[in-house]
Amino acid sequence: MSSPPRLNDWLTSRQPLVLGLFRIVLGVLFASEGAATVFGILDRKASPVGDWPFWYAGVIELACGILVLLGVATRGAAFLSSGIMAFAYFTEHQKDGLFPLQNGGLAPVLFCWGFLLLVFAGPGALSLAGLTNREAPTHRAAEPPRATAP
């Protein structure tokens, strides 16, 4: 008679799915930031075309957000997204205080670290790249070492 699975095993077995859902939500939020900046939607005024750095950042946010959402070129898009969020934090927010709660930079910090996680963890489940096997599989639970006979 087998014992019921432990909670840790159950959670570990769902890591790719939860990582995929995290990637999708992060991609939607980032793409919506970019769309609001470029097209002036969601109660935001559009940045003028070519306005440095805001319009360019909006284009990158929109494009990378869509790539991350779909799970295509996830690691590269996440790396670029993490970098522009770090740039945004240090150039636009940190001058108003060290901590994100002081300077209004909470969103860039969370985006930066969320995307950095995807750089290392990969797209997880539910990605288009996973359907075509173009990105390496994400986390797999480590198997315990096997005993060998003497």
C-alpha atoms as a PDB file:
ATOM      1  CA  MET A   1       0.000   0.000   0.000  1.00  0.00           C
ATOM      2  CA  SER A   2       1.511   3.331  -1.026  1.00  0.00           C
ATOM      3  CA  SER A   3       1.455   6.373   1.190  1.00  0.00           C
ATOM      4  CA  PRO A   4      -0.193   9.650   0.077  1.00  0.00           C
ATOM      5  CA  PRO A   5       2.175  12.122  -1.602  1.00  0.00           C
ATOM      6  CA  ARG A   6       3.836  14.607   0.676  1.00  0.00           C
ATOM      7  CA  LEU A   7       2.993  18.279   0.343  1.00  0.00           C
ATOM      8  CA  ASN A   8       6.501  19.125  -0.855  1.00  0.00           C
ATOM      9  CA  ASP A   9       6.288  16.538  -3.644  1.00  0.00           C
ATOM     10  CA  TRP A  10       2.855  17.829  -4.657  1.00  0.00           C
ATOM     11  CA  LEU A  11       4.084  21.436  -4.779  1.00  0.00           C
ATOM     12  CA  THR A  12       7.256  20.485  -6.653  1.00  0.00           C
ATOM     13  CA  SER A  13       5.282  18.600  -9.279  1.00  0.00           C
ATOM     14  CA  ARG A  14       3.295  21.765 -10.010  1.00  0.00           C
ATOM     15  CA  GLN A  15       6.268  24.133 -10.344  1.00  0.00           C
ATOM     16  CA  PRO A  16       6.250  24.229 -14.176  1.00  0.00           C
ATOM     17  CA  LEU A  17       2.531  25.058 -14.276  1.00  0.00           C
ATOM     18  CA  VAL A  18       2.763  27.789 -11.628  1.00  0.00           C
ATOM     19  CA  LEU A  19       5.881  29.208 -13.294  1.00  0.00           C
ATOM     20  CA  GLY A  20       3.998  29.285 -16.597  1.00  0.00           C
ATOM     21  CA  LEU A  21       1.070  31.104 -14.995  1.00  0.00           C
ATOM     22  CA  PHE A  22       3.500  33.562 -13.377  1.00  0.00           C
ATOM     23  CA  ARG A  23       5.094  34.200 -16.787  1.00  0.00           C
ATOM     24  CA  ILE A  24       1.696  34.784 -18.427  1.00  0.00           C
ATOM     25  CA  VAL A  25       0.542  37.260 -15.765  1.00  0.00           C
ATOM     26  CA  LEU A  26       3.882  39.092 -15.808  1.00  0.00           C
ATOM     27  CA  GLY A  27       3.768  39.276 -19.605  1.00  0.00           C
ATOM     28  CA  VAL A  28       0.210  40.653 -19.653  1.00  0.00           C
ATOM     29  CA  LEU A  29       1.042  43.307 -17.064  1.00  0.00           C
ATOM     30  CA  PHE A  30       4.245  44.346 -18.832  1.00  0.00           C
ATOM     31  CA  ALA A  31       2.637  44.434 -22.280  1.00  0.00           C
ATOM     32  CA  SER A  32      -0.195  46.563 -20.889  1.00  0.00           C
ATOM     33  CA  GLU A  33       2.370  49.029 -19.495  1.00  0.00           C
ATOM     34  CA  GLY A  34       3.969  49.238 -22.923  1.00  0.00           C
ATOM     35  CA  ALA A  35       0.655  49.570 -24.748  1.00  0.00           C
ATOM     36  CA  ALA A  36      -0.416  52.354 -22.400  1.00  0.00           C
ATOM     37  CA  THR A  37       2.837  54.228 -23.055  1.00  0.00           C
ATOM     38  CA  VAL A  38       2.859  53.746 -26.833  1.00  0.00           C
ATOM     39  CA  PHE A  39      -0.855  54.003 -27.644  1.00  0.00           C
ATOM     40  CA  GLY A  40      -2.182  56.094 -24.770  1.00  0.00           C
ATOM     41  CA  ILE A  41      -4.691  53.560 -23.483  1.00  0.00           C
ATOM     42  CA  LEU A  42      -5.795  52.633 -19.962  1.00  0.00           C
ATOM     43  CA  ASP A  43      -6.134  56.266 -18.836  1.00  0.00           C
ATOM     44  CA  ARG A  44      -2.584  57.169 -19.771  1.00  0.00           C
ATOM     45  CA  LYS A  45      -1.355  59.742 -22.252  1.00  0.00           C
ATOM     46  CA  ALA A  46       0.834  58.322 -25.040  1.00  0.00           C
ATOM     47  CA  SER A  47       4.493  59.302 -25.139  1.00  0.00           C
ATOM     48  CA  PRO A  48       5.378  61.175 -28.331  1.00  0.00           C
ATOM     49  CA  VAL A  49       7.006  58.924 -30.934  1.00  0.00           C
ATOM     50  CA  GLY A  50      10.764  58.907 -30.448  1.00  0.00           C
ATOM     51  CA  ASP A  51      10.640  60.546 -26.998  1.00  0.00           C
ATOM     52  CA  TRP A  52      13.738  59.286 -25.128  1.00  0.00           C
ATOM     53  CA  PRO A  53      13.580  57.121 -23.063  1.00  0.00           C
ATOM     54  CA  PHE A  54       9.846  56.730 -22.491  1.00  0.00           C
ATOM     55  CA  TRP A  55       8.584  55.891 -25.977  1.00  0.00           C
ATOM     56  CA  TYR A  56      11.428  53.431 -26.580  1.00  0.00           C
ATOM     57  CA  ALA A  57      10.842  51.832 -23.199  1.00  0.00           C
ATOM     58  CA  GLY A  58       7.144  51.499 -24.078  1.00  0.00           C
ATOM     59  CA  VAL A  59       7.962  49.721 -27.333  1.00  0.00           C
ATOM     60  CA  ILE A  60      10.333  47.351 -25.521  1.00  0.00           C
ATOM     61  CA  GLU A  61       7.745  46.727 -22.790  1.00  0.00           C
ATOM     62  CA  LEU A  62       5.049  45.950 -25.346  1.00  0.00           C
ATOM     63  CA  ALA A  63       7.215  43.663 -27.496  1.00  0.00           C
ATOM     64  CA  CYS A  64       8.928  41.843 -24.633  1.00  0.00           C
ATOM     65  CA  GLY A  65       5.675  41.568 -22.695  1.00  0.00           C
ATOM     66  CA  ILE A  66       4.055  39.804 -25.645  1.00  0.00           C
ATOM     67  CA  LEU A  67       7.051  37.473 -26.072  1.00  0.00           C
ATOM     68  CA  VAL A  68       7.030  36.605 -22.364  1.00  0.00           C
ATOM     69  CA  LEU A  69       3.243  36.161 -22.375  1.00  0.00           C
ATOM     70  CA  LEU A  70       3.466  33.701 -25.261  1.00  0.00           C
ATOM     71  CA  GLY A  71       6.567  31.988 -23.920  1.00  0.00           C
ATOM     72  CA  VAL A  72       8.658  32.666 -27.019  1.00  0.00           C
ATOM     73  CA  ALA A  73      12.319  33.705 -26.553  1.00  0.00           C
ATOM     74  CA  THR A  74      11.386  34.021 -22.897  1.00  0.00           C
ATOM     75  CA  ARG A  75      14.866  34.173 -21.415  1.00  0.00           C
ATOM     76  CA  GLY A  76      16.132  36.840 -23.829  1.00  0.00           C
ATOM     77  CA  ALA A  77      12.988  38.962 -23.548  1.00  0.00           C
ATOM     78  CA  ALA A  78      13.056  38.623 -19.760  1.00  0.00           C
ATOM     79  CA  PHE A  79      16.734  39.619 -19.636  1.00  0.00           C
ATOM     80  CA  LEU A  80      16.071  42.769 -21.678  1.00  0.00           C
ATOM     81  CA  SER A  81      12.957  43.556 -19.611  1.00  0.00           C
ATOM     82  CA  SER A  82      14.813  43.117 -16.333  1.00  0.00           C
ATOM     83  CA  GLY A  83      17.534  45.441 -17.568  1.00  0.00           C
ATOM     84  CA  ILE A  84      15.210  48.227 -18.654  1.00  0.00           C
ATOM     85  CA  MET A  85      13.374  48.042 -15.355  1.00  0.00           C
ATOM     86  CA  ALA A  86      16.675  48.363 -13.476  1.00  0.00           C
ATOM     87  CA  PHE A  87      17.528  51.325 -15.724  1.00  0.00           C
ATOM     88  CA  ALA A  88      14.121  52.894 -15.029  1.00  0.00           C
ATOM     89  CA  TYR A  89      14.535  52.447 -11.297  1.00  0.00           C
ATOM     90  CA  PHE A  90      17.998  53.955 -11.075  1.00  0.00           C
ATOM     91  CA  THR A  91      17.419  56.834 -13.523  1.00  0.00           C
ATOM     92  CA  GLU A  92      13.829  57.822 -12.716  1.00  0.00           C
ATOM     93  CA  HIS A  93      13.053  56.684  -9.189  1.00  0.00           C
ATOM     94  CA  GLN A  94      16.136  56.421  -6.999  1.00  0.00           C
ATOM     95  CA  LYS A  95      16.819  60.154  -7.168  1.00  0.00           C
ATOM     96  CA  ASP A  96      13.670  60.588  -5.027  1.00  0.00           C
ATOM     97  CA  GLY A  97      14.827  58.224  -2.253  1.00  0.00           C
ATOM     98  CA  LEU A  98      16.605  54.942  -1.688  1.00  0.00           C
ATOM     99  CA  PHE A  99      13.648  52.656  -1.054  1.00  0.00           C
ATOM    100  CA  PRO A 100      10.885  51.860  -3.564  1.00  0.00           C
ATOM    101  CA  LEU A 101       8.143  52.890  -1.124  1.00  0.00           C
ATOM    102  CA  GLN A 102       9.781  56.317  -0.853  1.00  0.00           C
ATOM    103  CA  ASN A 103      10.394  56.919  -4.545  1.00  0.00           C
ATOM    104  CA  GLY A 104       7.423  55.293  -6.318  1.00  0.00           C
ATOM    105  CA  GLY A 105       9.616  52.617  -7.853  1.00  0.00           C
ATOM    106  CA  LEU A 106       7.898  49.519  -6.521  1.00  0.00           C
ATOM    107  CA  ALA A 107       6.589  48.392  -9.931  1.00  0.00           C
ATOM    108  CA  PRO A 108       9.990  48.614 -11.682  1.00  0.00           C
ATOM    109  CA  VAL A 109      11.667  46.714  -8.839  1.00  0.00           C
ATOM    110  CA  LEU A 110       9.066  43.940  -8.887  1.00  0.00           C
ATOM    111  CA  PHE A 111       9.178  43.710 -12.685  1.00  0.00           C
ATOM    112  CA  CYS A 112      12.996  43.647 -12.626  1.00  0.00           C
ATOM    113  CA  TRP A 113      13.203  40.769 -10.155  1.00  0.00           C
ATOM    114  CA  GLY A 114      10.268  38.881 -11.690  1.00  0.00           C
ATOM    115  CA  PHE A 115      11.908  38.963 -15.092  1.00  0.00           C
ATOM    116  CA  LEU A 116      15.274  38.011 -13.623  1.00  0.00           C
ATOM    117  CA  LEU A 117      13.597  34.927 -12.162  1.00  0.00           C
ATOM    118  CA  LEU A 118      12.365  33.990 -15.649  1.00  0.00           C
ATOM    119  CA  VAL A 119      15.869  34.421 -17.077  1.00  0.00           C
ATOM    120  CA  PHE A 120      17.088  31.642 -14.801  1.00  0.00           C
ATOM    121  CA  ALA A 121      13.944  29.508 -14.493  1.00  0.00           C
ATOM    122  CA  GLY A 122      12.772  29.578 -18.105  1.00  0.00           C
ATOM    123  CA  PRO A 123       9.206  29.784 -19.381  1.00  0.00           C
ATOM    124  CA  GLY A 124       7.609  26.972 -17.395  1.00  0.00           C
ATOM    125  CA  ALA A 125       4.553  25.213 -18.776  1.00  0.00           C
ATOM    126  CA  LEU A 126       1.988  26.610 -21.211  1.00  0.00           C
ATOM    127  CA  SER A 127       4.557  28.218 -23.530  1.00  0.00           C
ATOM    128  CA  LEU A 128       4.630  28.196 -27.314  1.00  0.00           C
ATOM    129  CA  ALA A 129       8.346  27.420 -27.140  1.00  0.00           C
ATOM    130  CA  GLY A 130       7.504  24.330 -25.106  1.00  0.00           C
ATOM    131  CA  LEU A 131       5.288  23.091 -27.930  1.00  0.00           C
ATOM    132  CA  THR A 132       8.161  23.311 -30.386  1.00  0.00           C
ATOM    133  CA  ASN A 133      10.892  22.260 -27.890  1.00  0.00           C
ATOM    134  CA  ARG A 134      12.932  25.391 -28.672  1.00  0.00           C
ATOM    135  CA  GLU A 135      13.720  26.179 -25.050  1.00  0.00           C
ATOM    136  CA  ALA A 136      15.230  23.826 -22.556  1.00  0.00           C
ATOM    137  CA  PRO A 137      12.799  22.273 -20.100  1.00  0.00           C
ATOM    138  CA  THR A 138      12.422  24.121 -16.864  1.00  0.00           C
ATOM    139  CA  HIS A 139      12.910  22.784 -13.376  1.00  0.00           C
ATOM    140  CA  ARG A 140      12.868  19.073 -12.773  1.00  0.00           C
ATOM    141  CA  ALA A 141      12.875  17.629  -9.300  1.00  0.00           C
ATOM    142  CA  ALA A 142      16.215  16.135  -8.355  1.00  0.00           C
ATOM    143  CA  GLU A 143      16.245  12.416  -7.929  1.00  0.00           C
ATOM    144  CA  PRO A 144      17.774  11.035  -4.743  1.00  0.00           C
ATOM    145  CA  PRO A 145      21.098   9.266  -5.183  1.00  0.00           C
ATOM    146  CA  ARG A 146      20.756   5.551  -5.772  1.00  0.00           C
ATOM    147  CA  ALA A 147      22.605   3.063  -3.653  1.00  0.00           C
ATOM    148  CA  THR A 148      25.007   0.811  -5.521  1.00  0.00           C
ATOM    149  CA  ALA A 149      25.870  -2.713  -4.616  1.00  0.00           C
ATOM    150  CA  PRO A 150      29.435  -3.251  -3.303  1.00  0.00           C
END
